[in-house]
PDB file of N, CA and C in Angstrom:
ATOM      1  N   MET A   1       0.982  -1.210   0.014  1.00  0.00           N
ATOM      2  CA  MET A   1      -0.110  -0.014  -0.087  1.00  0.00           C
ATOM      3  C   MET A   1       0.867   1.341   0.018  1.00  0.00           C
ATOM      4  N   VAL A   2       0.403   2.291  -0.755  1.00  0.00           N
ATOM      5  CA  VAL A   2       1.073   3.439  -0.841  1.00  0.00           C
ATOM      6  C   VAL A   2       0.228   4.683  -0.281  1.00  0.00           C
ATOM      7  N   SER A   3       0.857   5.276   0.595  1.00  0.00           N
ATOM      8  CA  SER A   3       0.002   6.534   1.292  1.00  0.00           C
ATOM      9  C   SER A   3       0.935   7.857   0.815  1.00  0.00           C
ATOM     10  N   THR A   4       0.289   8.859   0.467  1.00  0.00           N
ATOM     11  CA  THR A   4       0.894  10.098   0.015  1.00  0.00           C
ATOM     12  C   THR A   4       0.547  11.183   0.747  1.00  0.00           C
ATOM     13  N   PHE A   5       1.299  12.239   0.847  1.00  0.00           N
ATOM     14  CA  PHE A   5       1.081  13.483   1.500  1.00  0.00           C
ATOM     15  C   PHE A   5       1.832  14.551   1.013  1.00  0.00           C
ATOM     16  N   GLU A   6       1.437  15.786   1.287  1.00  0.00           N
ATOM     17  CA  GLU A   6       2.163  17.141   0.857  1.00  0.00           C
ATOM     18  C   GLU A   6       2.443  17.888   2.088  1.00  0.00           C
ATOM     19  N   PHE A   7       3.720  18.363   2.143  1.00  0.00           N
ATOM     20  CA  PHE A   7       3.981  19.486   3.238  1.00  0.00           C
ATOM     21  C   PHE A   7       3.719  20.711   2.853  1.00  0.00           C
ATOM     22  N   SER A   8       4.023  21.049   1.460  1.00  0.00           N
ATOM     23  CA  SER A   8       3.696  22.266   0.976  1.00  0.00           C
ATOM     24  C   SER A   8       3.382  22.177  -0.535  1.00  0.00           C
ATOM     25  N   GLU A   9       3.407  23.101  -1.418  1.00  0.00           N
ATOM     26  CA  GLU A   9       3.027  22.818  -2.694  1.00  0.00           C
ATOM     27  C   GLU A   9       4.015  22.290  -3.511  1.00  0.00           C
ATOM     28  N   ASN A  10       5.201  22.103  -3.232  1.00  0.00           N
ATOM     29  CA  ASN A  10       6.217  21.406  -3.894  1.00  0.00           C
ATOM     30  C   ASN A  10       7.136  20.505  -3.121  1.00  0.00           C
ATOM     31  N   VAL A  11       6.578  20.071  -1.944  1.00  0.00           N
ATOM     32  CA  VAL A  11       7.275  18.913  -1.216  1.00  0.00           C
ATOM     33  C   VAL A  11       6.280  17.922  -0.833  1.00  0.00           C
ATOM     34  N   VAL A  12       6.475  16.754  -1.377  1.00  0.00           N
ATOM     35  CA  VAL A  12       5.653  15.543  -1.469  1.00  0.00           C
ATOM     36  C   VAL A  12       6.273  14.351  -0.635  1.00  0.00           C
ATOM     37  N   GLY A  13       5.419  13.502  -0.078  1.00  0.00           N
ATOM     38  CA  GLY A  13       5.870  12.256   0.397  1.00  0.00           C
ATOM     39  C   GLY A  13       5.064  10.980   0.026  1.00  0.00           C
ATOM     40  N   ILE A  14       5.848   9.902   0.188  1.00  0.00           N
ATOM     41  CA  ILE A  14       5.236   8.647  -0.189  1.00  0.00           C
ATOM     42  C   ILE A  14       5.806   7.719   0.796  1.00  0.00           C
ATOM     43  N   MET A  15       4.778   7.112   1.566  1.00  0.00           N
ATOM     44  CA  MET A  15       5.052   5.935   2.250  1.00  0.00           C
ATOM     45  C   MET A  15       4.788   4.738   1.743  1.00  0.00           C
ATOM     46  N   ILE A  16       5.605   3.822   1.762  1.00  0.00           N
ATOM     47  CA  ILE A  16       5.343   2.396   1.212  1.00  0.00           C
ATOM     48  C   ILE A  16       5.401   1.298   2.178  1.00  0.00           C
ATOM     49  N   ASP A  17       4.299   0.497   2.456  1.00  0.00           N
ATOM     50  CA  ASP A  17       4.203  -0.566   3.477  1.00  0.00           C
ATOM     51  C   ASP A  17       3.866  -1.847   2.906  1.00  0.00           C
ATOM     52  N   SER A  18       4.100  -2.038   1.554  1.00  0.00           N
ATOM     53  CA  SER A  18       3.724  -3.360   1.117  1.00  0.00           C
ATOM     54  C   SER A  18       5.009  -3.738   0.061  1.00  0.00           C
ATOM     55  N   ASN A  19       5.155  -5.085  -0.050  1.00  0.00           N
ATOM     56  CA  ASN A  19       6.019  -5.265  -1.137  1.00  0.00           C
ATOM     57  C   ASN A  19       5.770  -4.551  -2.559  1.00  0.00           C
ATOM     58  N   VAL A  20       7.018  -4.305  -2.991  1.00  0.00           N
ATOM     59  CA  VAL A  20       6.981  -3.339  -4.334  1.00  0.00           C
ATOM     60  C   VAL A  20       7.032  -4.223  -5.571  1.00  0.00           C
ATOM     61  N   ASP A  21       6.052  -4.350  -6.460  1.00  0.00           N
ATOM     62  CA  ASP A  21       6.165  -4.991  -7.623  1.00  0.00           C
ATOM     63  C   ASP A  21       5.890  -3.984  -9.021  1.00  0.00           C
ATOM     64  N   ASP A  22       5.974  -4.177 -10.085  1.00  0.00           N
ATOM     65  CA  ASP A  22       5.703  -3.465 -11.384  1.00  0.00           C
ATOM     66  C   ASP A  22       4.470  -2.567 -11.153  1.00  0.00           C
ATOM     67  N   GLU A  23       3.295  -3.175 -10.694  1.00  0.00           N
ATOM     68  CA  GLU A  23       2.184  -2.372 -10.543  1.00  0.00           C
ATOM     69  C   GLU A  23       2.147  -1.145  -9.582  1.00  0.00           C
ATOM     70  N   LEU A  24       2.704  -1.586  -8.448  1.00  0.00           N
ATOM     71  CA  LEU A  24       2.989  -0.554  -7.300  1.00  0.00           C
ATOM     72  C   LEU A  24       4.052   0.596  -7.856  1.00  0.00           C
ATOM     73  N   LEU A  25       5.125   0.054  -8.381  1.00  0.00           N
ATOM     74  CA  LEU A  25       6.151   1.079  -8.935  1.00  0.00           C
ATOM     75  C   LEU A  25       5.463   2.071  -9.972  1.00  0.00           C
ATOM     76  N   GLU A  26       4.743   1.367 -10.943  1.00  0.00           N
ATOM     77  CA  GLU A  26       3.829   2.303 -11.987  1.00  0.00           C
ATOM     78  C   GLU A  26       3.092   3.371 -11.165  1.00  0.00           C
ATOM     79  N   GLU A  27       2.420   2.888 -10.060  1.00  0.00           N
ATOM     80  CA  GLU A  27       1.464   3.966  -9.229  1.00  0.00           C
ATOM     81  C   GLU A  27       2.207   4.865  -8.505  1.00  0.00           C
ATOM     82  N   VAL A  28       3.377   4.564  -8.213  1.00  0.00           N
ATOM     83  CA  VAL A  28       4.173   5.769  -7.480  1.00  0.00           C
ATOM     84  C   VAL A  28       4.762   6.778  -8.577  1.00  0.00           C
ATOM     85  N   HIS A  29       5.293   6.091  -9.716  1.00  0.00           N
ATOM     86  CA  HIS A  29       5.824   6.879 -10.720  1.00  0.00           C
ATOM     87  C   HIS A  29       4.785   8.027 -11.428  1.00  0.00           C
ATOM     88  N   THR A  30       3.379   7.375 -11.519  1.00  0.00           N
ATOM     89  CA  THR A  30       2.382   8.063 -11.987  1.00  0.00           C
ATOM     90  C   THR A  30       2.112   9.408 -11.005  1.00  0.00           C
ATOM     91  N   PHE A  31       2.145   9.123  -9.705  1.00  0.00           N
ATOM     92  CA  PHE A  31       1.927  10.121  -8.653  1.00  0.00           C
ATOM     93  C   PHE A  31       2.956  11.317  -8.793  1.00  0.00           C
ATOM     94  N   ILE A  32       4.083  10.765  -8.842  1.00  0.00           N
ATOM     95  CA  ILE A  32       5.278  11.732  -9.152  1.00  0.00           C
ATOM     96  C   ILE A  32       5.318  12.549 -10.370  1.00  0.00           C
ATOM     97  N   GLU A  33       4.876  11.763 -11.613  1.00  0.00           N
ATOM     98  CA  GLU A  33       4.713  12.616 -12.792  1.00  0.00           C
ATOM     99  C   GLU A  33       3.663  13.708 -12.709  1.00  0.00           C
ATOM    100  N   ASP A  34       2.601  13.276 -12.033  1.00  0.00           N
ATOM    101  CA  ASP A  34       1.418  14.211 -11.897  1.00  0.00           C
ATOM    102  C   ASP A  34       1.847  15.567 -11.065  1.00  0.00           C
ATOM    103  N   LYS A  35       2.966  15.315 -10.000  1.00  0.00           N
ATOM    104  CA  LYS A  35       3.401  16.492  -9.371  1.00  0.00           C
ATOM    105  C   LYS A  35       4.049  17.323 -10.072  1.00  0.00           C
ATOM    106  N   PHE A  36       4.893  16.717 -11.131  1.00  0.00           N
ATOM    107  CA  PHE A  36       5.822  17.415 -12.011  1.00  0.00           C
ATOM    108  C   PHE A  36       5.007  18.388 -13.040  1.00  0.00           C
ATOM    109  N   VAL A  37       3.767  18.038 -13.336  1.00  0.00           N
ATOM    110  CA  VAL A  37       2.893  18.773 -14.333  1.00  0.00           C
ATOM    111  C   VAL A  37       2.431  19.999 -13.397  1.00  0.00           C
ATOM    112  N   LYS A  38       2.101  19.757 -12.007  1.00  0.00           N
ATOM    113  CA  LYS A  38       1.672  20.970 -11.234  1.00  0.00           C
ATOM    114  C   LYS A  38       2.904  21.939 -10.769  1.00  0.00           C
ATOM    115  N   ASP A  39       3.966  21.205 -10.616  1.00  0.00           N
ATOM    116  CA  ASP A  39       5.256  21.907 -10.025  1.00  0.00           C
ATOM    117  C   ASP A  39       6.283  21.771 -11.111  1.00  0.00           C
ATOM    118  N   ASP A  40       7.230  22.664 -11.406  1.00  0.00           N
ATOM    119  CA  ASP A  40       8.254  22.397 -12.204  1.00  0.00           C
ATOM    120  C   ASP A  40       9.298  21.450 -11.507  1.00  0.00           C
ATOM    121  N   LYS A  41       9.646  21.651 -10.176  1.00  0.00           N
ATOM    122  CA  LYS A  41      10.432  20.935  -9.624  1.00  0.00           C
ATOM    123  C   LYS A  41       9.692  20.522  -8.175  1.00  0.00           C
ATOM    124  N   ILE A  42      10.188  19.441  -7.686  1.00  0.00           N
ATOM    125  CA  ILE A  42       9.646  18.910  -6.442  1.00  0.00           C
ATOM    126  C   ILE A  42      10.668  18.355  -5.521  1.00  0.00           C
ATOM    127  N   ASN A  43      10.466  18.350  -4.324  1.00  0.00           N
ATOM    128  CA  ASN A  43      11.230  17.807  -3.240  1.00  0.00           C
ATOM    129  C   ASN A  43      10.514  16.527  -2.961  1.00  0.00           C
ATOM    130  N   LEU A  44      11.146  15.316  -2.897  1.00  0.00           N
ATOM    131  CA  LEU A  44      10.414  14.054  -2.718  1.00  0.00           C
ATOM    132  C   LEU A  44      11.020  13.420  -1.506  1.00  0.00           C
ATOM    133  N   LEU A  45      10.212  12.930  -0.436  1.00  0.00           N
ATOM    134  CA  LEU A  45      10.525  11.983   0.618  1.00  0.00           C
ATOM    135  C   LEU A  45       9.793  10.759   0.482  1.00  0.00           C
ATOM    136  N   VAL A  46      10.665   9.691   0.654  1.00  0.00           N
ATOM    137  CA  VAL A  46      10.131   8.461   0.401  1.00  0.00           C
ATOM    138  C   VAL A  46      10.470   7.505   1.576  1.00  0.00           C
ATOM    139  N   GLU A  47       9.322   6.981   2.428  1.00  0.00           N
ATOM    140  CA  GLU A  47       9.780   6.213   3.311  1.00  0.00           C
ATOM    141  C   GLU A  47       9.305   4.684   3.074  1.00  0.00           C
ATOM    142  N   ILE A  48      10.181   3.784   3.308  1.00  0.00           N
ATOM    143  CA  ILE A  48      10.008   2.480   2.931  1.00  0.00           C
ATOM    144  C   ILE A  48       9.941   1.863   4.421  1.00  0.00           C
ATOM    145  N   LYS A  49       8.757   1.156   4.730  1.00  0.00           N
ATOM    146  CA  LYS A  49       8.522   0.644   6.076  1.00  0.00           C
ATOM    147  C   LYS A  49       9.533  -0.660   6.064  1.00  0.00           C
ATOM    148  N   PRO A  50       9.867  -1.118   7.333  1.00  0.00           N
ATOM    149  CA  PRO A  50      10.720  -2.316   7.619  1.00  0.00           C
ATOM    150  C   PRO A  50      10.254  -3.493   7.016  1.00  0.00           C
ATOM    151  N   GLY A  51      10.862  -4.344   6.404  1.00  0.00           N
ATOM    152  CA  GLY A  51      10.239  -5.598   5.866  1.00  0.00           C
ATOM    153  C   GLY A  51       9.930  -5.751   4.482  1.00  0.00           C
ATOM    154  N   VAL A  52       9.650  -4.552   3.847  1.00  0.00           N
ATOM    155  CA  VAL A  52       9.074  -4.182   2.541  1.00  0.00           C
ATOM    156  C   VAL A  52      10.323  -4.985   1.455  1.00  0.00           C
ATOM    157  N   ASP A  53       9.766  -5.908   0.718  1.00  0.00           N
ATOM    158  CA  ASP A  53      10.583  -6.509  -0.187  1.00  0.00           C
ATOM    159  C   ASP A  53      10.575  -5.645  -1.507  1.00  0.00           C
ATOM    160  N   ILE A  54      11.807  -5.408  -1.976  1.00  0.00           N
ATOM    161  CA  ILE A  54      11.972  -4.685  -3.332  1.00  0.00           C
ATOM    162  C   ILE A  54      12.829  -5.510  -4.214  1.00  0.00           C
ATOM    163  N   PRO A  55      12.490  -6.072  -5.166  1.00  0.00           N
ATOM    164  CA  PRO A  55      13.546  -6.900  -6.017  1.00  0.00           C
ATOM    165  C   PRO A  55      14.316  -6.079  -6.804  1.00  0.00           C
ATOM    166  N   VAL A  56      15.602  -6.407  -7.144  1.00  0.00           N
ATOM    167  CA  VAL A  56      16.640  -5.811  -7.687  1.00  0.00           C
ATOM    168  C   VAL A  56      16.149  -5.048  -9.057  1.00  0.00           C
ATOM    169  N   ILE A  57      15.255  -5.721  -9.873  1.00  0.00           N
ATOM    170  CA  ILE A  57      14.980  -5.220 -10.987  1.00  0.00           C
ATOM    171  C   ILE A  57      14.034  -4.080 -10.968  1.00  0.00           C
ATOM    172  N   ILE A  58      13.164  -4.037  -9.820  1.00  0.00           N
ATOM    173  CA  ILE A  58      12.282  -2.894  -9.568  1.00  0.00           C
ATOM    174  C   ILE A  58      13.372  -1.689  -9.210  1.00  0.00           C
ATOM    175  N   VAL A  59      14.340  -1.999  -8.369  1.00  0.00           N
ATOM    176  CA  VAL A  59      15.291  -0.767  -7.954  1.00  0.00           C
ATOM    177  C   VAL A  59      15.873  -0.277  -9.157  1.00  0.00           C
ATOM    178  N   LEU A  60      16.257  -0.891 -10.251  1.00  0.00           N
ATOM    179  CA  LEU A  60      16.909  -0.660 -11.264  1.00  0.00           C
ATOM    180  C   LEU A  60      15.866   0.192 -12.168  1.00  0.00           C
ATOM    181  N   LYS A  61      14.549  -0.266 -12.463  1.00  0.00           N
ATOM    182  CA  LYS A  61      13.582   0.532 -13.076  1.00  0.00           C
ATOM    183  C   LYS A  61      13.475   1.918 -12.401  1.00  0.00           C
ATOM    184  N   ASP A  62      13.186   1.801 -11.083  1.00  0.00           N
ATOM    185  CA  ASP A  62      13.326   3.235 -10.408  1.00  0.00           C
ATOM    186  C   ASP A  62      14.346   3.990 -10.660  1.00  0.00           C
ATOM    187  N   LEU A  63      15.492   3.532 -10.659  1.00  0.00           N
ATOM    188  CA  LEU A  63      16.685   4.374 -10.830  1.00  0.00           C
ATOM    189  C   LEU A  63      16.680   4.992 -12.250  1.00  0.00           C
ATOM    190  N   LEU A  64      16.343   4.177 -13.270  1.00  0.00           N
ATOM    191  CA  LEU A  64      16.125   4.761 -14.565  1.00  0.00           C
ATOM    192  C   LEU A  64      15.122   5.915 -14.709  1.00  0.00           C
ATOM    193  N   PHE A  65      14.034   5.640 -13.982  1.00  0.00           N
ATOM    194  CA  PHE A  65      12.979   6.807 -13.865  1.00  0.00           C
ATOM    195  C   PHE A  65      13.623   7.992 -13.256  1.00  0.00           C
ATOM    196  N   LYS A  66      14.353   7.745 -12.149  1.00  0.00           N
ATOM    197  CA  LYS A  66      14.803   8.968 -11.553  1.00  0.00           C
ATOM    198  C   LYS A  66      15.946   9.764 -12.409  1.00  0.00           C
ATOM    199  N   LEU A  67      16.886   8.974 -13.026  1.00  0.00           N
ATOM    200  CA  LEU A  67      17.838   9.545 -14.020  1.00  0.00           C
ATOM    201  C   LEU A  67      17.021  10.296 -15.092  1.00  0.00           C
ATOM    202  N   SER A  68      15.914   9.832 -15.807  1.00  0.00           N
ATOM    203  CA  SER A  68      15.319  10.272 -16.829  1.00  0.00           C
ATOM    204  C   SER A  68      14.562  11.558 -16.410  1.00  0.00           C
ATOM    205  N   HIS A  69      14.240  11.825 -15.021  1.00  0.00           N
ATOM    206  CA  HIS A  69      13.684  13.137 -14.408  1.00  0.00           C
ATOM    207  C   HIS A  69      14.404  13.717 -13.615  1.00  0.00           C
ATOM    208  N   ASN A  70      15.650  13.643 -13.649  1.00  0.00           N
ATOM    209  CA  ASN A  70      16.686  14.214 -12.722  1.00  0.00           C
ATOM    210  C   ASN A  70      16.487  15.961 -12.595  1.00  0.00           C
ATOM    211  N   ARG A  71      16.058  16.439 -13.608  1.00  0.00           N
ATOM    212  CA  ARG A  71      15.837  17.858 -13.621  1.00  0.00           C
ATOM    213  C   ARG A  71      14.572  18.281 -12.825  1.00  0.00           C
ATOM    214  N   CYS A  72      13.924  17.467 -12.589  1.00  0.00           N
ATOM    215  CA  CYS A  72      12.571  17.569 -11.898  1.00  0.00           C
ATOM    216  C   CYS A  72      12.588  17.657 -10.376  1.00  0.00           C
ATOM    217  N   PHE A  73      13.768  17.159  -9.854  1.00  0.00           N
ATOM    218  CA  PHE A  73      13.786  17.160  -8.418  1.00  0.00           C
ATOM    219  C   PHE A  73      14.741  18.284  -8.051  1.00  0.00           C
ATOM    220  N   MET A  74      14.390  18.857  -6.714  1.00  0.00           N
ATOM    221  CA  MET A  74      15.467  19.791  -6.296  1.00  0.00           C
ATOM    222  C   MET A  74      16.506  19.307  -5.314  1.00  0.00           C
TER     223      MET A  74
END
């Protein structure tokens, strides 16, 4: 499960408390991309609860997402 919150208009947070698969990663990426439309750049806080399983392939996909959007993060 993913919970999201906003500290201010360009500071957003995501809390993940379930194992991450392709579907969940897509949900997170969609949320982040929606914030890019609203604000040119965002500060992002991600909290992953203890015990959450994230396969290496998911970590690599997330890294590629971050690299392709690096200009959008403060």
